[in-house]
Amino acid sequence: MAKVLFFLALIVFVSGCTFSPQDLLGETPSTKEKTTLQACLEGDDLLKDDCIFNLVKSGQSTELCENVSNEQIAGKCFAFSFQGIPTINQCKKSSLSNVADYCYKEIAIISDDAQICANISSTTINSSCVNLFLQSEKTIKSCQLLPTDSEKTVCLKSLAKQIKSHEPCERIDDVSEKNSCFNEIDKKDSFYCSFITGLEQKDLCYSEKAVFSKNIELCKKVGLNETKDNCFYDVGIASLKADYCELISDVSLENDCREEVSDKKKGFEKCFVLGDKDDKFECYKDLSVDTFNEKYCSYISAITHSDLKNSCYNETASVKNDFELCSNIKNDSNALNSCISNVAINLQDESICSSKVKIIENKDLCFKGVAESLLNDRICFNINDDNSQSQCVKSIALDLNNESVCSGAILGSVEDNCFHNIAVQKSDSDLCNQITSSIKKRDKCFKNFAFKKLDTRICDKISFPETEGQCYEQIGFELGNINICTEIEVGPLNEPETFESRDSCYKFLADDTGDKGHCVSISTEAIQADCNALFT
């Protein structure tokens, strides 16, 4: 009940209503001060002093000021007066000398009378009071004489920062500007945040001071959880301390904080601060490879991340060209042999492939890699698998642009493809004649080469009439020449087989153009029938 009344009382004060918290309680004068004071004392520590001071401002006795823990606020509390400018006699009500001194200082400022500072017994507070008058070019009173509220506000805020005092801020009527004034007095000193009314604004003040001074303890004074988390986040990043990230209640934000700190750190600490194990261990692997230092692989768990640990040693061995590191790979013989093979390829050392790599598949890849690296087709012949060996020879032949190497391929299909590719690379269609395993493949080589060059003379080298006809037709269609088929030479009428190439050309032309009229030009009955069938 007390807490409910406390917050109802605060609403009344903020709204500016003239009735007091006692009116809300409906109690007798002998019990209402005790009840409202108890509500303040049971409330949030951050708001307690403000709550008690507000009770005094609402009309209750200044004796309540004795319960204010902050000496400066207590002094201001005793100095408060409904009757205008307070008197120094009010300060004598405090039993604490420092509180009385702060009260004298407050009255000196309100009265704009430096003589009152002489009543202060504390040397420090006395000097502070006198300096308010000696160091400033303007006084609170001079600010208040300005014609507009905005000018007064600017003047008072400037004065507060100049003399490092909250008193000028107190004279600002607008609550938002007053809070802003308290916040701006000093970038690092959180003391002035305590004067701010409104939890959100007070939290913002503590957060800004915490980040600027890298003081995590100030974040703990923040009331709202979301703002407190953001404060821990910002201070953690500013100070590069991941343990501050642990104070964040939001797990996602905590991870973001750790990653941000990690990005700004270097070496082992960069990975250590990461909370997620996957991220942490992946970081160790990258660090090992980047720094050529396999010791970071040892930080990866062999129980939960064995594959990643093996990969770490594999990649580190590869960048260091040290196959001895591969021995750290456990429970994965394929990964071990692959690791040794990678190092052998990097070193271009076929002897390592022979002596160190034990699995046949890895050994073949090792020889192939070394052979291609050295452009030495002789090494390809160490490969056990026929296809891998042929592909190895072909790869080197193409890199050397040397058709004579193609003949070393065991598989005829790979050898033919090798000659074909080099014929294209060298722009030499005669190399298609090197293809001996299949006439169709040789014809295909001539046809593809002719189409690339758009040269029908190469089509004449094709053995199969249908392929030759298609070769002419494709070039004619590409060039937009529908009479291309007439260029194919034919023999006498009593040798109808010589018309097959031209007739095939007409058939393919009819199909590509969608024009059945080309079928009429075909002499061979079978080919003409095939042509007409395209349109039925």
Protein backbone atom coordinates (compact mmCIF):
# COMPACT_ATOMS: atom_id res chain seq x y z
CA MET A 1 0.00 0.00 0.00
CA ALA A 2 2.83 2.38 0.89
CA LYS A 3 4.50 1.92 -2.49
CA VAL A 4 1.22 2.58 -4.32
CA LEU A 5 0.73 5.79 -2.40
CA PHE A 6 4.33 6.76 -3.04
CA PHE A 7 3.88 6.58 -6.80
CA LEU A 8 0.51 8.33 -6.60
CA ALA A 9 2.30 11.10 -4.72
CA LEU A 10 4.93 11.39 -7.42
CA ILE A 11 2.22 11.70 -10.07
CA VAL A 12 0.69 14.54 -8.08
CA PHE A 13 4.01 16.39 -7.83
CA VAL A 14 4.78 16.01 -11.54
CA SER A 15 1.30 17.17 -12.55
CA GLY A 16 1.70 20.37 -10.52
CA CYS A 17 -1.45 19.92 -8.41
CA THR A 18 -1.61 22.01 -5.22
CA PHE A 19 -2.90 19.35 -2.81
CA SER A 20 -0.36 17.31 -0.87
CA PRO A 21 0.30 13.57 -0.45
CA GLN A 22 -1.56 13.79 2.87
CA ASP A 23 -4.74 14.61 0.94
CA LEU A 24 -4.36 11.29 -0.85
CA LEU A 25 -4.02 9.41 2.41
CA GLY A 26 -6.81 11.16 4.22
CA GLU A 27 -4.99 10.75 7.54
CA THR A 28 -4.58 13.03 10.53
CA PRO A 29 -1.60 15.46 10.66
CA SER A 30 -0.01 13.34 13.40
CA THR A 31 0.39 10.27 11.18
CA LYS A 32 0.56 11.50 7.56
CA GLU A 33 4.23 12.65 7.61
CA LYS A 34 5.31 9.31 9.02
CA THR A 35 3.32 7.39 6.42
CA THR A 36 4.57 9.32 3.37
CA LEU A 37 8.18 9.28 4.64
CA GLN A 38 7.95 5.52 5.04
CA ALA A 39 6.75 5.25 1.45
CA CYS A 40 9.82 7.18 0.28
CA LEU A 41 12.17 5.04 2.36
CA GLU A 42 10.66 1.83 1.00
CA GLY A 43 11.03 3.00 -2.60
CA ASP A 44 13.94 2.75 -5.04
CA ASP A 45 17.23 4.03 -3.54
CA LEU A 46 17.83 6.11 -6.64
CA LEU A 47 14.59 8.03 -6.07
CA LYS A 48 14.50 8.14 -2.25
CA ASP A 49 16.24 11.51 -1.79
CA ASP A 50 14.15 13.14 -4.52
CA CYS A 51 11.02 11.70 -2.96
CA ILE A 52 11.77 13.16 0.49
CA PHE A 53 12.71 16.54 -0.97
CA ASN A 54 9.43 16.57 -2.90
CA LEU A 55 7.57 15.93 0.38
CA VAL A 56 9.21 19.03 1.85
CA LYS A 57 8.37 21.07 -1.24
CA SER A 58 4.77 19.87 -0.96
CA GLY A 59 4.47 21.46 2.48
CA GLN A 60 5.76 18.94 4.99
CA SER A 61 8.30 19.78 7.67
CA THR A 62 11.95 20.40 6.78
CA GLU A 63 12.76 17.94 9.59
CA LEU A 64 12.22 15.21 6.96
CA CYS A 65 15.41 16.46 5.31
CA GLU A 66 17.39 14.61 8.00
CA ASN A 67 16.48 11.39 6.14
CA VAL A 68 18.13 12.49 2.89
CA SER A 69 21.38 10.53 2.42
CA ASN A 70 22.99 12.83 -0.15
CA GLU A 71 24.47 15.76 1.79
CA GLN A 72 24.12 18.29 -1.03
CA ILE A 73 20.48 17.40 -1.66
CA ALA A 74 19.86 17.49 2.11
CA GLY A 75 21.38 20.98 2.27
CA LYS A 76 19.18 22.15 -0.57
CA CYS A 77 16.21 20.51 1.18
CA PHE A 78 16.78 22.54 4.40
CA ALA A 79 17.24 25.71 2.34
CA PHE A 80 13.83 25.38 0.67
CA SER A 81 11.26 28.01 1.57
CA PHE A 82 7.69 28.76 0.53
CA GLN A 83 8.06 32.34 1.69
CA GLY A 84 10.55 33.47 -0.99
CA ILE A 85 14.26 33.86 -0.25
CA PRO A 86 15.12 31.51 2.68
CA THR A 87 17.08 32.54 5.77
CA ILE A 88 20.25 31.05 7.18
CA ASN A 89 18.34 30.02 10.30
CA GLN A 90 16.85 27.14 8.30
CA CYS A 91 20.31 25.66 7.89
CA LYS A 92 20.75 25.40 11.66
CA LYS A 93 18.01 22.77 11.79
CA SER A 94 20.41 20.16 10.44
CA SER A 95 22.40 18.13 12.94
CA LEU A 96 25.15 17.46 10.36
CA SER A 97 27.73 20.19 9.76
CA ASN A 98 28.26 19.35 6.07
CA VAL A 99 24.52 19.45 5.40
CA ALA A 100 24.30 22.82 7.11
CA ASP A 101 27.22 24.06 5.02
CA TYR A 102 25.56 22.95 1.78
CA CYS A 103 22.41 24.69 2.99
CA TYR A 104 24.36 27.97 3.48
CA LYS A 105 25.84 27.59 0.01
CA GLU A 106 22.38 27.08 -1.49
CA ILE A 107 20.99 30.18 0.22
CA ALA A 108 24.03 32.23 -0.88
CA ILE A 109 23.30 31.29 -4.49
CA ILE A 110 19.56 31.91 -4.20
CA SER A 111 20.19 35.27 -2.56
CA ASP A 112 23.13 36.03 -4.86
CA ASP A 113 24.98 37.07 -1.69
CA ALA A 114 28.60 35.92 -1.32
CA GLN A 115 28.64 37.13 2.33
CA ILE A 116 26.56 34.12 3.34
CA CYS A 117 29.48 31.83 2.38
CA ALA A 118 31.23 33.05 5.54
CA ASN A 119 28.86 30.89 7.63
CA ILE A 120 30.30 27.72 6.09
CA SER A 121 32.72 25.83 8.39
CA SER A 122 34.04 23.31 5.82
CA THR A 123 37.04 24.73 3.95
CA THR A 124 36.20 22.78 0.79
CA ILE A 125 32.53 23.78 0.68
CA ASN A 126 33.42 27.36 1.64
CA SER A 127 35.89 27.61 -1.26
CA SER A 128 33.31 26.12 -3.62
CA CYS A 129 30.75 28.67 -2.49
CA VAL A 130 33.08 31.65 -2.85
CA ASN A 131 34.33 30.43 -6.25
CA LEU A 132 30.80 30.49 -7.56
CA PHE A 133 30.96 34.25 -7.28
CA LEU A 134 34.64 34.82 -8.03
CA GLN A 135 35.06 32.60 -11.12
CA SER A 136 31.85 33.27 -13.02
CA GLU A 137 31.38 36.19 -15.38
CA LYS A 138 27.67 35.94 -14.82
CA THR A 139 25.55 34.92 -11.84
CA ILE A 140 22.26 33.13 -11.49
CA LYS A 141 20.58 36.42 -10.78
CA SER A 142 21.99 38.01 -13.94
CA CYS A 143 20.76 35.03 -16.00
CA GLN A 144 17.30 35.38 -14.54
CA LEU A 145 17.16 39.04 -15.58
CA LEU A 146 17.26 38.05 -19.27
CA PRO A 147 13.98 38.82 -21.14
CA THR A 148 13.03 35.37 -22.55
CA ASP A 149 12.87 31.88 -21.07
CA SER A 150 15.10 30.47 -23.80
CA GLU A 151 17.80 33.07 -23.10
CA LYS A 152 17.58 32.37 -19.36
CA THR A 153 17.92 28.64 -20.01
CA VAL A 154 20.96 29.02 -22.24
CA CYS A 155 22.60 31.33 -19.72
CA LEU A 156 21.94 29.05 -16.74
CA LYS A 157 23.16 25.93 -18.58
CA SER A 158 26.32 27.72 -19.60
CA LEU A 159 26.88 28.94 -16.04
CA ALA A 160 26.33 25.44 -14.61
CA LYS A 161 29.05 23.97 -16.84
CA GLN A 162 31.38 26.89 -16.16
CA ILE A 163 31.23 26.73 -12.38
CA LYS A 164 30.58 22.96 -12.21
CA SER A 165 27.50 23.37 -10.06
CA HIS A 166 23.95 22.08 -10.22
CA GLU A 167 22.49 25.23 -8.66
CA PRO A 168 22.00 27.18 -11.93
CA CYS A 169 20.14 24.18 -13.39
CA GLU A 170 17.68 24.31 -10.50
CA ARG A 171 16.52 27.73 -11.68
CA ILE A 172 15.39 26.40 -15.06
CA ASP A 173 11.60 25.98 -15.19
CA ASP A 174 11.33 23.53 -18.10
CA VAL A 175 11.82 19.99 -16.70
CA SER A 176 13.42 18.61 -19.88
CA GLU A 177 15.89 21.51 -20.11
CA LYS A 178 16.61 21.23 -16.40
CA ASN A 179 17.46 17.53 -16.76
CA SER A 180 19.59 18.30 -19.79
CA CYS A 181 21.43 20.92 -17.77
CA PHE A 182 22.26 18.43 -14.98
CA ASN A 183 23.49 15.95 -17.57
CA GLU A 184 25.74 18.43 -19.35
CA ILE A 185 27.52 19.89 -16.30
CA ASP A 186 30.33 17.34 -16.49
CA LYS A 187 30.96 14.52 -18.98
CA LYS A 188 32.39 12.17 -16.35
CA ASP A 189 30.92 13.11 -12.97
CA SER A 190 27.77 11.05 -12.34
CA PHE A 191 26.95 13.02 -9.18
CA TYR A 192 24.81 15.47 -11.13
CA CYS A 193 22.67 12.62 -12.53
CA SER A 194 21.12 12.24 -9.07
CA PHE A 195 19.35 15.60 -9.48
CA ILE A 196 17.54 14.51 -12.64
CA THR A 197 13.83 13.72 -12.31
CA GLY A 198 12.34 10.97 -14.45
CA LEU A 199 13.83 7.47 -14.51
CA GLU A 200 14.44 7.37 -18.26
CA GLN A 201 16.39 10.64 -18.31
CA LYS A 202 18.33 9.68 -15.19
CA ASP A 203 19.24 6.32 -16.72
CA LEU A 204 20.47 8.02 -19.86
CA CYS A 205 22.69 10.32 -17.79
CA TYR A 206 24.27 7.43 -15.87
CA SER A 207 24.78 5.51 -19.12
CA GLU A 208 26.55 8.39 -20.85
CA LYS A 209 28.85 8.96 -17.89
CA ALA A 210 29.55 5.22 -17.63
CA VAL A 211 30.64 4.99 -21.26
CA PHE A 212 32.73 8.15 -21.14
CA SER A 213 34.56 7.09 -17.97
CA LYS A 214 34.45 3.33 -18.83
CA ASN A 215 33.00 2.79 -15.35
CA ILE A 216 30.80 -0.31 -15.33
CA GLU A 217 29.59 0.43 -11.79
CA LEU A 218 27.59 3.40 -13.08
CA CYS A 219 25.60 1.05 -15.33
CA LYS A 220 24.40 -0.72 -12.21
CA LYS A 221 22.67 2.50 -11.14
CA VAL A 222 20.49 2.38 -14.25
CA GLY A 223 16.92 1.34 -13.45
CA LEU A 224 15.41 0.18 -16.75
CA ASN A 225 16.66 -3.28 -17.79
CA GLU A 226 16.95 -2.54 -21.50
CA THR A 227 18.87 0.67 -20.87
CA LYS A 228 21.08 -1.13 -18.34
CA ASP A 229 21.88 -3.86 -20.90
CA ASN A 230 22.78 -1.24 -23.49
CA CYS A 231 25.01 0.47 -20.94
CA PHE A 232 26.86 -2.79 -20.18
CA TYR A 233 27.18 -3.34 -23.94
CA ASP A 234 28.62 0.11 -24.65
CA VAL A 235 31.03 0.09 -21.70
CA GLY A 236 32.13 -3.46 -22.53
CA ILE A 237 33.03 -2.44 -26.07
CA ALA A 238 34.58 0.88 -25.02
CA SER A 239 36.82 -0.86 -22.47
CA LEU A 240 37.31 -4.07 -24.54
CA LYS A 241 36.30 -6.21 -21.57
CA ALA A 242 34.19 -9.22 -22.48
CA ASP A 243 33.43 -9.97 -18.82
CA TYR A 244 31.28 -6.82 -18.84
CA CYS A 245 29.24 -8.46 -21.61
CA GLU A 246 28.37 -11.24 -19.14
CA LEU A 247 26.33 -8.71 -17.13
CA ILE A 248 23.88 -8.30 -20.03
CA SER A 249 20.60 -10.15 -19.43
CA ASP A 250 19.67 -10.36 -23.15
CA VAL A 251 21.56 -13.39 -24.53
CA SER A 252 21.56 -12.14 -28.13
CA LEU A 253 22.94 -8.74 -27.10
CA GLU A 254 25.55 -10.45 -24.90
CA ASN A 255 26.79 -12.46 -27.90
CA ASP A 256 26.85 -9.32 -30.06
CA CYS A 257 28.88 -7.59 -27.36
CA ARG A 258 31.40 -10.45 -27.23
CA GLU A 259 31.77 -10.51 -31.02
CA GLU A 260 32.28 -6.75 -31.13
CA VAL A 261 34.95 -6.93 -28.43
CA SER A 262 36.54 -9.87 -30.26
CA ASP A 263 36.70 -7.90 -33.52
CA LYS A 264 38.63 -5.15 -31.76
CA LYS A 265 41.05 -7.47 -29.96
CA LYS A 266 44.01 -9.37 -31.38
CA GLY A 267 45.60 -12.77 -30.92
CA PHE A 268 44.37 -15.30 -28.39
CA GLU A 269 42.11 -12.82 -26.59
CA LYS A 270 40.22 -12.23 -29.83
CA CYS A 271 38.90 -15.81 -29.68
CA PHE A 272 38.81 -16.29 -25.92
CA VAL A 273 36.17 -13.60 -25.36
CA LEU A 274 33.65 -15.31 -27.66
CA GLY A 275 30.87 -17.07 -25.74
CA ASP A 276 29.58 -19.48 -28.38
CA LYS A 277 31.86 -22.54 -28.67
CA ASP A 278 31.38 -22.90 -32.42
CA ASP A 279 32.47 -19.29 -32.94
CA LYS A 280 35.31 -19.58 -30.43
CA PHE A 281 36.80 -22.75 -31.97
CA GLU A 282 36.37 -21.49 -35.52
CA CYS A 283 38.23 -18.38 -34.43
CA TYR A 284 41.11 -20.53 -33.07
CA LYS A 285 41.35 -22.32 -36.40
CA ASP A 286 41.46 -19.07 -38.38
CA LEU A 287 44.01 -17.65 -35.95
CA SER A 288 46.21 -20.73 -36.33
CA VAL A 289 46.19 -20.47 -40.11
CA ASP A 290 46.65 -16.69 -40.17
CA THR A 291 49.56 -16.72 -37.72
CA PHE A 292 51.19 -19.98 -38.94
CA ASN A 293 50.98 -21.19 -35.35
CA GLU A 294 49.45 -24.62 -34.73
CA LYS A 295 49.27 -24.14 -30.96
CA TYR A 296 45.85 -22.50 -31.34
CA CYS A 297 44.52 -25.78 -32.78
CA SER A 298 45.13 -27.38 -29.38
CA TYR A 299 42.49 -25.09 -27.82
CA ILE A 300 39.80 -26.74 -29.96
CA SER A 301 37.94 -29.54 -28.21
CA ALA A 302 38.74 -32.98 -29.65
CA ILE A 303 35.55 -34.32 -28.06
CA THR A 304 32.92 -31.93 -29.42
CA HIS A 305 34.75 -30.49 -32.47
CA SER A 306 37.13 -33.21 -33.68
CA ASP A 307 36.56 -32.46 -37.39
CA LEU A 308 37.29 -28.77 -36.86
CA LYS A 309 40.42 -29.60 -34.86
CA ASN A 310 41.68 -31.90 -37.64
CA SER A 311 40.85 -29.26 -40.23
CA CYS A 312 42.84 -26.74 -38.21
CA TYR A 313 45.97 -28.91 -38.28
CA ASN A 314 45.38 -29.72 -41.97
CA GLU A 315 45.15 -26.08 -43.07
CA THR A 316 47.98 -24.95 -40.80
CA ALA A 317 50.26 -27.72 -42.12
CA SER A 318 49.40 -26.61 -45.65
CA VAL A 319 50.30 -22.94 -45.11
CA LYS A 320 53.47 -23.90 -43.23
CA ASN A 321 54.37 -26.67 -45.72
CA ASP A 322 55.10 -28.95 -42.78
CA PHE A 323 53.68 -32.46 -43.24
CA GLU A 324 54.84 -33.42 -39.73
CA LEU A 325 51.95 -31.34 -38.37
CA CYS A 326 49.57 -33.73 -40.11
CA SER A 327 50.40 -36.34 -37.44
CA ASN A 328 48.23 -34.32 -35.03
CA ILE A 329 45.15 -35.36 -37.02
CA LYS A 330 43.41 -38.12 -35.07
CA ASN A 331 40.81 -40.78 -35.94
CA ASP A 332 40.54 -39.78 -39.60
CA SER A 333 43.00 -41.50 -41.93
CA ASN A 334 41.54 -39.84 -45.01
CA ALA A 335 42.05 -36.38 -43.51
CA LEU A 336 45.58 -37.36 -42.45
CA ASN A 337 46.55 -38.54 -45.94
CA SER A 338 44.85 -35.54 -47.53
CA CYS A 339 46.88 -33.26 -45.26
CA ILE A 340 50.19 -34.89 -46.31
CA SER A 341 49.13 -34.76 -49.95
CA ASN A 342 48.40 -31.03 -49.74
CA VAL A 343 51.85 -30.34 -48.33
CA ALA A 344 53.50 -32.50 -51.04
CA ILE A 345 51.67 -30.52 -53.74
CA ASN A 346 52.72 -27.22 -52.19
CA LEU A 347 56.34 -28.41 -52.03
CA GLN A 348 56.08 -29.99 -55.52
CA ASP A 349 57.66 -33.12 -54.05
CA GLU A 350 56.44 -36.40 -55.56
CA SER A 351 58.62 -38.39 -53.14
CA ILE A 352 56.28 -37.41 -50.30
CA CYS A 353 53.38 -38.79 -52.32
CA SER A 354 55.23 -42.08 -52.71
CA SER A 355 56.52 -42.53 -49.19
CA LYS A 356 54.08 -40.74 -46.86
CA VAL A 357 50.63 -40.98 -48.43
CA LYS A 358 49.12 -44.42 -47.75
CA ILE A 359 45.57 -44.28 -49.17
CA ILE A 360 45.48 -44.92 -52.95
CA GLU A 361 42.90 -42.24 -53.73
CA ASN A 362 44.88 -39.60 -51.84
CA LYS A 363 48.12 -40.82 -53.41
CA ASP A 364 46.61 -40.42 -56.92
CA LEU A 365 45.44 -36.88 -56.07
CA CYS A 366 48.88 -36.14 -54.67
CA PHE A 367 50.70 -37.24 -57.86
CA LYS A 368 48.18 -35.40 -60.02
CA GLY A 369 48.60 -32.20 -58.00
CA VAL A 370 52.40 -32.32 -58.13
CA ALA A 371 52.40 -33.20 -61.86
CA GLU A 372 50.09 -30.31 -62.72
CA SER A 373 52.05 -27.96 -60.51
CA LEU A 374 55.33 -28.86 -62.27
CA LEU A 375 53.67 -29.34 -65.72
CA ASN A 376 55.41 -32.72 -65.83
CA ASP A 377 53.26 -35.39 -67.48
CA ARG A 378 55.75 -38.09 -66.51
CA ILE A 379 54.53 -37.89 -62.90
CA CYS A 380 50.96 -38.60 -64.12
CA PHE A 381 52.01 -42.16 -64.92
CA ASN A 382 52.37 -42.87 -61.18
CA ILE A 383 48.60 -42.49 -60.85
CA ASN A 384 46.77 -45.77 -60.33
CA ASP A 385 43.32 -44.79 -61.68
CA ASP A 386 43.18 -44.70 -65.52
CA ASN A 387 40.73 -41.82 -65.71
CA SER A 388 42.67 -39.70 -63.19
CA GLN A 389 45.90 -40.44 -65.04
CA SER A 390 44.39 -39.48 -68.41
CA GLN A 391 42.86 -36.30 -66.98
CA CYS A 392 46.25 -35.42 -65.50
CA VAL A 393 47.94 -35.79 -68.92
CA LYS A 394 45.21 -33.81 -70.64
CA SER A 395 45.43 -30.98 -68.11
CA ILE A 396 49.19 -30.64 -68.64
CA ALA A 397 48.85 -30.87 -72.43
CA LEU A 398 46.34 -28.02 -72.41
CA ASP A 399 48.50 -25.91 -70.08
CA LEU A 400 51.53 -26.51 -72.32
CA ASN A 401 49.37 -26.17 -75.46
CA ASN A 402 51.21 -29.22 -76.76
CA GLU A 403 49.20 -31.86 -78.64
CA SER A 404 52.01 -34.42 -78.48
CA VAL A 405 51.38 -34.79 -74.72
CA CYS A 406 47.77 -35.86 -75.42
CA SER A 407 48.94 -39.23 -76.77
CA GLY A 408 50.01 -40.18 -73.23
CA ALA A 409 46.39 -40.42 -72.08
CA ILE A 410 45.36 -44.03 -71.42
CA LEU A 411 41.67 -43.47 -72.15
CA GLY A 412 40.98 -42.77 -75.82
CA SER A 413 38.00 -40.53 -75.02
CA VAL A 414 40.21 -38.27 -72.91
CA GLU A 415 42.93 -38.32 -75.59
CA ASP A 416 40.41 -37.32 -78.29
CA ASN A 417 39.07 -34.52 -76.13
CA CYS A 418 42.63 -33.37 -75.51
CA PHE A 419 43.39 -33.10 -79.26
CA HIS A 420 40.05 -31.37 -79.80
CA ASN A 421 40.72 -28.71 -77.15
CA ILE A 422 44.25 -28.01 -78.37
CA ALA A 423 43.01 -27.76 -81.97
CA VAL A 424 40.68 -25.00 -80.79
CA GLN A 425 43.41 -23.36 -78.66
CA LYS A 426 45.82 -23.33 -81.63
CA SER A 427 43.16 -22.53 -84.23
CA ASP A 428 44.47 -25.51 -86.24
CA SER A 429 41.72 -27.76 -87.58
CA ASP A 430 44.29 -30.25 -88.92
CA LEU A 431 44.86 -31.35 -85.32
CA CYS A 432 41.38 -32.91 -85.44
CA ASN A 433 42.99 -35.58 -87.65
CA GLN A 434 44.92 -36.71 -84.55
CA ILE A 435 41.64 -38.12 -83.22
CA THR A 436 41.78 -41.77 -84.27
CA SER A 437 39.62 -43.64 -81.79
CA SER A 438 36.33 -42.48 -83.32
CA ILE A 439 35.41 -40.98 -86.72
CA LYS A 440 32.33 -39.38 -85.18
CA LYS A 441 34.47 -37.60 -82.62
CA ARG A 442 36.87 -36.45 -85.31
CA ASP A 443 33.93 -35.17 -87.40
CA LYS A 444 32.54 -33.43 -84.34
CA CYS A 445 35.93 -31.75 -83.86
CA PHE A 446 35.88 -30.47 -87.48
CA LYS A 447 32.25 -29.36 -87.17
CA ASN A 448 32.78 -27.45 -83.93
CA PHE A 449 35.94 -25.88 -85.29
CA ALA A 450 34.19 -24.89 -88.56
CA PHE A 451 31.30 -23.30 -86.69
CA LYS A 452 33.68 -21.37 -84.44
CA LYS A 453 35.49 -20.04 -87.53
CA LEU A 454 32.27 -19.88 -89.66
CA ASP A 455 34.33 -21.54 -92.40
CA THR A 456 32.54 -24.11 -94.59
CA ARG A 457 35.85 -25.28 -96.05
CA ILE A 458 36.50 -27.08 -92.75
CA CYS A 459 33.12 -28.81 -93.12
CA ASP A 460 34.49 -30.53 -96.24
CA LYS A 461 36.93 -32.47 -94.03
CA ILE A 462 34.03 -34.27 -92.32
CA SER A 463 33.56 -37.93 -93.20
CA PHE A 464 29.85 -38.50 -92.45
CA PRO A 465 27.48 -36.79 -94.99
CA GLU A 466 24.84 -35.97 -92.37
CA THR A 467 27.40 -34.31 -90.10
CA GLU A 468 28.84 -32.38 -93.07
CA GLY A 469 25.34 -31.21 -94.06
CA GLN A 470 24.62 -30.10 -90.54
CA CYS A 471 27.96 -28.26 -90.46
CA TYR A 472 27.05 -26.25 -93.60
CA GLU A 473 23.53 -25.58 -92.38
CA GLN A 474 24.61 -24.29 -88.96
CA ILE A 475 27.07 -21.86 -90.52
CA GLY A 476 24.50 -20.74 -93.09
CA PHE A 477 21.83 -20.23 -90.43
CA GLU A 478 24.30 -18.24 -88.30
CA LEU A 479 25.22 -16.05 -91.31
CA GLY A 480 21.62 -15.75 -92.50
CA ASN A 481 22.45 -17.46 -95.82
CA ILE A 482 19.57 -19.80 -96.76
CA ASN A 483 21.35 -20.77 -99.99
CA ILE A 484 24.33 -22.24 -98.13
CA CYS A 485 23.33 -25.81 -99.01
CA THR A 486 23.95 -25.18 -102.72
CA GLU A 487 27.65 -24.72 -101.97
CA ILE A 488 28.06 -28.40 -101.10
CA GLU A 489 29.61 -30.24 -104.02
CA VAL A 490 27.75 -33.31 -105.38
CA GLY A 491 28.65 -36.04 -107.85
CA PRO A 492 26.84 -37.27 -110.95
CA LEU A 493 23.15 -38.16 -110.82
CA ASN A 494 23.95 -41.85 -110.98
CA GLU A 495 25.78 -41.49 -107.65
CA PRO A 496 22.91 -40.44 -105.34
CA GLU A 497 24.99 -41.02 -102.19
CA THR A 498 26.97 -37.90 -103.06
CA PHE A 499 23.79 -35.85 -102.56
CA GLU A 500 23.41 -36.93 -98.90
CA SER A 501 25.40 -34.02 -97.46
CA ARG A 502 23.45 -31.38 -99.46
CA ASP A 503 20.11 -33.10 -98.74
CA SER A 504 20.90 -33.29 -95.00
CA CYS A 505 21.71 -29.59 -95.14
CA TYR A 506 18.25 -28.82 -96.63
CA LYS A 507 16.58 -30.97 -93.97
CA PHE A 508 18.35 -29.18 -91.07
CA LEU A 509 17.62 -25.81 -92.74
CA ALA A 510 13.92 -26.65 -93.04
CA ASP A 511 13.86 -27.63 -89.38
CA ASP A 512 15.66 -24.47 -88.14
CA THR A 513 13.66 -22.04 -90.32
CA GLY A 514 10.34 -23.85 -90.01
CA ASP A 515 10.02 -23.67 -93.80
CA LYS A 516 8.82 -26.95 -95.38
CA GLY A 517 9.68 -25.55 -98.81
CA HIS A 518 13.32 -26.57 -98.33
CA CYS A 519 12.25 -30.23 -98.31
CA VAL A 520 11.36 -29.94 -102.03
CA SER A 521 15.04 -29.41 -102.88
CA ILE A 522 16.01 -32.79 -101.39
CA SER A 523 16.91 -35.52 -103.92
CA THR A 524 17.28 -38.49 -101.58
CA GLU A 525 13.85 -40.01 -100.93
CA ALA A 526 14.60 -41.18 -97.40
CA ILE A 527 15.97 -37.81 -96.32
CA GLN A 528 13.03 -36.01 -97.99
CA ALA A 529 10.62 -38.26 -96.11
CA ASP A 530 12.41 -37.41 -92.85
CA CYS A 531 12.17 -33.72 -93.74
CA ASN A 532 8.42 -33.87 -94.49
CA ALA A 533 7.87 -35.79 -91.25
CA LEU A 534 9.11 -32.76 -89.36
CA PHE A 535 5.93 -30.91 -90.36
CA THR A 536 3.31 -33.62 -89.78
